[in-house]
Amino acid sequence: MGNAIDACVPNPNAANGSTCVPQVANAICQLLGYERAYDEDTEVVPAAPGEAVIALTGQYCIRQGQYASSLPKNLASIPGTPCNKIQKLTCVRTLNTMATAATLGLQQATSLSVLHPTPAAENLSATAQMAETLSKASAGLVPASEVSNVSSMTATGGRKLLIV
């Protein structure tokens, strides 16, 4: 396993020297290709006194608000409040970007199997169509009667689509 991810990043312009969650959680999700973090499902906990925690800048968090480019060997004995780490993070796409992401995924999946569409490609297509319909419905471009079972909408592979 790697190092824990710091819930903050160094920011000399901030009052406490750091910028923290939710901005850091949103940045992580955006790096992973999502729109933002789902705040209600983000969990931040204190790191153990000797636990290595790394910020998105690549610096190690020594203690809250203190950063260094290398990890000291005596980390556990350094005084101060241990850094906070991201324990749990859920990233989401909103209706505005879901159809685009599904369409891009469909293009990638179908380019891998030119002769025979795979079940994954067909499922991506269905997900893209459903996301597009939901997006149009939320914008008032499609009658609500065309959208059915939205509350039970799930993607394939056991992953749930969180619609916000």
C-alpha atoms as a PDB file:
ATOM      1  CA  MET A   1       0.000   0.000   0.000  1.00  0.00           C
ATOM      2  CA  GLY A   2       1.049   3.581  -0.577  1.00  0.00           C
ATOM      3  CA  ASN A   3       0.986   6.601   1.642  1.00  0.00           C
ATOM      4  CA  ALA A   4      -2.205   8.130   2.957  1.00  0.00           C
ATOM      5  CA  ILE A   5      -3.443  11.246   1.135  1.00  0.00           C
ATOM      6  CA  ASP A   6      -3.402  14.487   3.101  1.00  0.00           C
ATOM      7  CA  ALA A   7      -6.765  16.204   3.471  1.00  0.00           C
ATOM      8  CA  CYS A   8      -4.932  19.515   2.921  1.00  0.00           C
ATOM      9  CA  VAL A   9      -2.325  21.099   0.644  1.00  0.00           C
ATOM     10  CA  PRO A  10       0.187  23.787   1.607  1.00  0.00           C
ATOM     11  CA  ASN A  11      -1.108  27.300   0.943  1.00  0.00           C
ATOM     12  CA  PRO A  12       0.967  30.202   2.280  1.00  0.00           C
ATOM     13  CA  ASN A  13      -1.947  32.588   1.634  1.00  0.00           C
ATOM     14  CA  ALA A  14      -4.332  30.684   3.939  1.00  0.00           C
ATOM     15  CA  ALA A  15      -4.643  31.701   7.589  1.00  0.00           C
ATOM     16  CA  ASN A  16      -3.450  28.291   8.841  1.00  0.00           C
ATOM     17  CA  GLY A  17      -1.005  27.685   5.963  1.00  0.00           C
ATOM     18  CA  SER A  18      -3.195  25.067   4.271  1.00  0.00           C
ATOM     19  CA  THR A  19      -6.217  24.583   2.025  1.00  0.00           C
ATOM     20  CA  CYS A  20      -8.226  21.522   2.970  1.00  0.00           C
ATOM     21  CA  VAL A  21     -11.302  19.428   2.150  1.00  0.00           C
ATOM     22  CA  PRO A  22     -13.597  20.035   0.237  1.00  0.00           C
ATOM     23  CA  GLN A  23     -11.227  21.716  -2.249  1.00  0.00           C
ATOM     24  CA  VAL A  24      -8.661  18.899  -1.966  1.00  0.00           C
ATOM     25  CA  ALA A  25     -11.314  16.191  -2.350  1.00  0.00           C
ATOM     26  CA  ASN A  26     -12.667  17.934  -5.454  1.00  0.00           C
ATOM     27  CA  ALA A  27      -9.146  18.202  -6.910  1.00  0.00           C
ATOM     28  CA  ILE A  28      -8.529  14.465  -6.374  1.00  0.00           C
ATOM     29  CA  CYS A  29     -11.805  13.576  -8.099  1.00  0.00           C
ATOM     30  CA  GLN A  30     -11.028  15.892 -11.012  1.00  0.00           C
ATOM     31  CA  LEU A  31      -7.592  14.290 -11.375  1.00  0.00           C
ATOM     32  CA  LEU A  32      -9.394  10.949 -11.650  1.00  0.00           C
ATOM     33  CA  GLY A  33     -11.721  12.277 -14.366  1.00  0.00           C
ATOM     34  CA  TYR A  34     -14.813  13.008 -12.275  1.00  0.00           C
ATOM     35  CA  GLU A  35     -16.551  16.323 -11.761  1.00  0.00           C
ATOM     36  CA  ARG A  36     -16.327  16.640  -7.980  1.00  0.00           C
ATOM     37  CA  ALA A  37     -16.372  14.874  -4.637  1.00  0.00           C
ATOM     38  CA  TYR A  38     -19.653  13.867  -3.018  1.00  0.00           C
ATOM     39  CA  ASP A  39     -19.299  15.818   0.238  1.00  0.00           C
ATOM     40  CA  GLU A  40     -21.715  13.651   2.223  1.00  0.00           C
ATOM     41  CA  ASP A  41     -19.528  10.583   1.596  1.00  0.00           C
ATOM     42  CA  THR A  42     -16.073  12.052   2.242  1.00  0.00           C
ATOM     43  CA  GLU A  43     -14.437  10.931   5.475  1.00  0.00           C
ATOM     44  CA  VAL A  44     -11.383  12.618   7.009  1.00  0.00           C
ATOM     45  CA  VAL A  45      -9.611  11.128  10.040  1.00  0.00           C
ATOM     46  CA  PRO A  46      -6.405  11.939  11.952  1.00  0.00           C
ATOM     47  CA  ALA A  47      -3.337  10.001  10.854  1.00  0.00           C
ATOM     48  CA  ALA A  48      -1.384   7.977  13.405  1.00  0.00           C
ATOM     49  CA  PRO A  49       1.562  10.006  14.800  1.00  0.00           C
ATOM     50  CA  GLY A  50       4.113   7.994  12.762  1.00  0.00           C
ATOM     51  CA  GLU A  51       2.017   7.469   9.630  1.00  0.00           C
ATOM     52  CA  ALA A  52       3.303   8.898   6.335  1.00  0.00           C
ATOM     53  CA  VAL A  53       0.792  11.291   4.774  1.00  0.00           C
ATOM     54  CA  ILE A  54       1.483  12.919   1.423  1.00  0.00           C
ATOM     55  CA  ALA A  55      -0.149  16.041  -0.019  1.00  0.00           C
ATOM     56  CA  LEU A  56      -1.196  16.446  -3.646  1.00  0.00           C
ATOM     57  CA  THR A  57       1.855  18.701  -4.061  1.00  0.00           C
ATOM     58  CA  GLY A  58       4.133  15.709  -3.433  1.00  0.00           C
ATOM     59  CA  GLN A  59       5.261  17.050  -0.069  1.00  0.00           C
ATOM     60  CA  TYR A  60       4.935  15.032   3.129  1.00  0.00           C
ATOM     61  CA  CYS A  61       2.671  16.374   5.837  1.00  0.00           C
ATOM     62  CA  ILE A  62       4.772  16.276   9.002  1.00  0.00           C
ATOM     63  CA  ARG A  63       2.169  17.805  11.318  1.00  0.00           C
ATOM     64  CA  GLN A  64      -0.906  19.909  10.537  1.00  0.00           C
ATOM     65  CA  GLY A  65       0.344  22.890   8.514  1.00  0.00           C
ATOM     66  CA  GLN A  66       3.957  21.614   8.368  1.00  0.00           C
ATOM     67  CA  TYR A  67       5.313  20.107   5.139  1.00  0.00           C
ATOM     68  CA  ALA A  68       8.664  18.732   3.978  1.00  0.00           C
ATOM     69  CA  SER A  69      10.046  17.242   0.764  1.00  0.00           C
ATOM     70  CA  SER A  70      11.316  14.151   2.599  1.00  0.00           C
ATOM     71  CA  LEU A  71       9.910  12.088   5.414  1.00  0.00           C
ATOM     72  CA  PRO A  72      11.853  12.349   8.694  1.00  0.00           C
ATOM     73  CA  LYS A  73      12.834   9.054  10.323  1.00  0.00           C
ATOM     74  CA  ASN A  74      11.574  10.249  13.705  1.00  0.00           C
ATOM     75  CA  LEU A  75       8.092  11.269  12.487  1.00  0.00           C
ATOM     76  CA  ALA A  76       6.295   9.665  15.431  1.00  0.00           C
ATOM     77  CA  SER A  77       8.302  11.710  17.963  1.00  0.00           C
ATOM     78  CA  ILE A  78       7.725  15.117  16.340  1.00  0.00           C
ATOM     79  CA  PRO A  79       5.421  17.263  18.512  1.00  0.00           C
ATOM     80  CA  GLY A  80       2.203  18.727  17.206  1.00  0.00           C
ATOM     81  CA  THR A  81      -1.159  17.599  15.885  1.00  0.00           C
ATOM     82  CA  PRO A  82      -0.966  14.736  13.366  1.00  0.00           C
ATOM     83  CA  CYS A  83      -2.128  15.456   9.837  1.00  0.00           C
ATOM     84  CA  ASN A  84      -5.622  14.623   8.687  1.00  0.00           C
ATOM     85  CA  LYS A  85      -5.929  12.026   5.944  1.00  0.00           C
ATOM     86  CA  ILE A  86      -8.710  11.186   3.548  1.00  0.00           C
ATOM     87  CA  GLN A  87     -10.125   7.863   4.713  1.00  0.00           C
ATOM     88  CA  LYS A  88     -13.035   7.638   2.262  1.00  0.00           C
ATOM     89  CA  LEU A  89     -13.858   9.543  -0.907  1.00  0.00           C
ATOM     90  CA  THR A  90     -16.697   9.184  -3.401  1.00  0.00           C
ATOM     91  CA  CYS A  91     -16.417  11.013  -6.710  1.00  0.00           C
ATOM     92  CA  VAL A  92     -19.421  11.881  -8.878  1.00  0.00           C
ATOM     93  CA  ARG A  93     -20.413  13.130 -12.286  1.00  0.00           C
ATOM     94  CA  THR A  94     -23.494  15.298 -12.523  1.00  0.00           C
ATOM     95  CA  LEU A  95     -26.066  14.984 -15.278  1.00  0.00           C
ATOM     96  CA  ASN A  96     -24.240  17.740 -17.142  1.00  0.00           C
ATOM     97  CA  THR A  97     -21.143  15.574 -17.667  1.00  0.00           C
ATOM     98  CA  MET A  98     -22.472  12.013 -17.344  1.00  0.00           C
ATOM     99  CA  ALA A  99     -23.672  11.673 -20.941  1.00  0.00           C
ATOM    100  CA  THR A 100     -20.385  13.014 -22.292  1.00  0.00           C
ATOM    101  CA  ALA A 101     -18.348  10.617 -20.144  1.00  0.00           C
ATOM    102  CA  ALA A 102     -20.491   7.633 -21.113  1.00  0.00           C
ATOM    103  CA  THR A 103     -20.273   8.551 -24.798  1.00  0.00           C
ATOM    104  CA  LEU A 104     -16.473   8.758 -24.591  1.00  0.00           C
ATOM    105  CA  GLY A 105     -16.418   5.382 -22.849  1.00  0.00           C
ATOM    106  CA  LEU A 106     -18.647   3.912 -25.545  1.00  0.00           C
ATOM    107  CA  GLN A 107     -16.304   5.159 -28.267  1.00  0.00           C
ATOM    108  CA  GLN A 108     -13.320   3.568 -26.527  1.00  0.00           C
ATOM    109  CA  ALA A 109     -15.125   0.284 -25.880  1.00  0.00           C
ATOM    110  CA  THR A 110     -16.439  -0.077 -29.431  1.00  0.00           C
ATOM    111  CA  SER A 111     -13.074   0.799 -31.007  1.00  0.00           C
ATOM    112  CA  LEU A 112     -11.587  -2.228 -29.246  1.00  0.00           C
ATOM    113  CA  SER A 113     -14.097  -4.642 -30.773  1.00  0.00           C
ATOM    114  CA  VAL A 114     -14.896  -3.586 -34.344  1.00  0.00           C
ATOM    115  CA  LEU A 115     -16.621  -6.753 -35.542  1.00  0.00           C
ATOM    116  CA  HIS A 116     -18.727  -7.694 -32.523  1.00  0.00           C
ATOM    117  CA  PRO A 117     -20.061  -5.239 -29.953  1.00  0.00           C
ATOM    118  CA  THR A 118     -19.272  -6.461 -26.470  1.00  0.00           C
ATOM    119  CA  PRO A 119     -21.852  -6.554 -23.652  1.00  0.00           C
ATOM    120  CA  ALA A 120     -19.840  -3.806 -21.922  1.00  0.00           C
ATOM    121  CA  ALA A 121     -20.120  -1.576 -24.995  1.00  0.00           C
ATOM    122  CA  GLU A 122     -23.854  -2.227 -25.259  1.00  0.00           C
ATOM    123  CA  ASN A 123     -24.291  -1.438 -21.550  1.00  0.00           C
ATOM    124  CA  LEU A 124     -22.305   1.785 -21.951  1.00  0.00           C
ATOM    125  CA  SER A 125     -24.561   2.714 -24.838  1.00  0.00           C
ATOM    126  CA  ALA A 126     -27.678   2.132 -22.754  1.00  0.00           C
ATOM    127  CA  THR A 127     -26.179   4.119 -19.870  1.00  0.00           C
ATOM    128  CA  ALA A 128     -25.252   6.973 -22.222  1.00  0.00           C
ATOM    129  CA  GLN A 129     -28.759   7.047 -23.679  1.00  0.00           C
ATOM    130  CA  MET A 130     -30.347   7.008 -20.232  1.00  0.00           C
ATOM    131  CA  ALA A 131     -28.023   9.768 -18.985  1.00  0.00           C
ATOM    132  CA  GLU A 132     -28.805  11.881 -22.057  1.00  0.00           C
ATOM    133  CA  THR A 133     -32.557  11.412 -21.525  1.00  0.00           C
ATOM    134  CA  LEU A 134     -32.219  12.364 -17.847  1.00  0.00           C
ATOM    135  CA  SER A 135     -30.179  15.413 -18.769  1.00  0.00           C
ATOM    136  CA  LYS A 136     -32.794  16.534 -21.309  1.00  0.00           C
ATOM    137  CA  ALA A 137     -35.592  15.892 -18.808  1.00  0.00           C
ATOM    138  CA  SER A 138     -33.896  17.980 -16.137  1.00  0.00           C
ATOM    139  CA  ALA A 139     -33.538  20.813 -18.675  1.00  0.00           C
ATOM    140  CA  GLY A 140     -37.226  20.503 -19.577  1.00  0.00           C
ATOM    141  CA  LEU A 141     -36.489  19.369 -23.138  1.00  0.00           C
ATOM    142  CA  VAL A 142     -38.177  15.980 -22.728  1.00  0.00           C
ATOM    143  CA  PRO A 143     -41.500  15.286 -20.979  1.00  0.00           C
ATOM    144  CA  ALA A 144     -41.058  13.728 -17.545  1.00  0.00           C
ATOM    145  CA  SER A 145     -43.259  10.814 -18.711  1.00  0.00           C
ATOM    146  CA  GLU A 146     -40.375   9.601 -20.910  1.00  0.00           C
ATOM    147  CA  VAL A 147     -38.170   9.117 -17.864  1.00  0.00           C
ATOM    148  CA  SER A 148     -39.060   6.012 -15.896  1.00  0.00           C
ATOM    149  CA  ASN A 149     -37.446   4.214 -12.965  1.00  0.00           C
ATOM    150  CA  VAL A 150     -34.882   6.932 -12.323  1.00  0.00           C
ATOM    151  CA  SER A 151     -34.678   6.057  -8.639  1.00  0.00           C
ATOM    152  CA  SER A 152     -33.640   2.485  -9.428  1.00  0.00           C
ATOM    153  CA  MET A 153     -31.205   3.377 -12.219  1.00  0.00           C
ATOM    154  CA  THR A 154     -27.941   1.477 -11.915  1.00  0.00           C
ATOM    155  CA  ALA A 155     -25.045   0.963 -14.249  1.00  0.00           C
ATOM    156  CA  THR A 156     -23.676  -2.397 -15.218  1.00  0.00           C
ATOM    157  CA  GLY A 157     -20.984  -4.169 -13.266  1.00  0.00           C
ATOM    158  CA  GLY A 158     -22.783  -3.531  -9.991  1.00  0.00           C
ATOM    159  CA  ARG A 159     -21.848   0.165  -9.892  1.00  0.00           C
ATOM    160  CA  LYS A 160     -24.547   2.612  -8.939  1.00  0.00           C
ATOM    161  CA  LEU A 161     -24.886   5.892 -10.765  1.00  0.00           C
ATOM    162  CA  LEU A 162     -25.316   8.721  -8.305  1.00  0.00           C
ATOM    163  CA  ILE A 163     -27.438  11.389  -9.924  1.00  0.00           C
ATOM    164  CA  VAL A 164     -27.153  14.840  -8.392  1.00  0.00           C
END
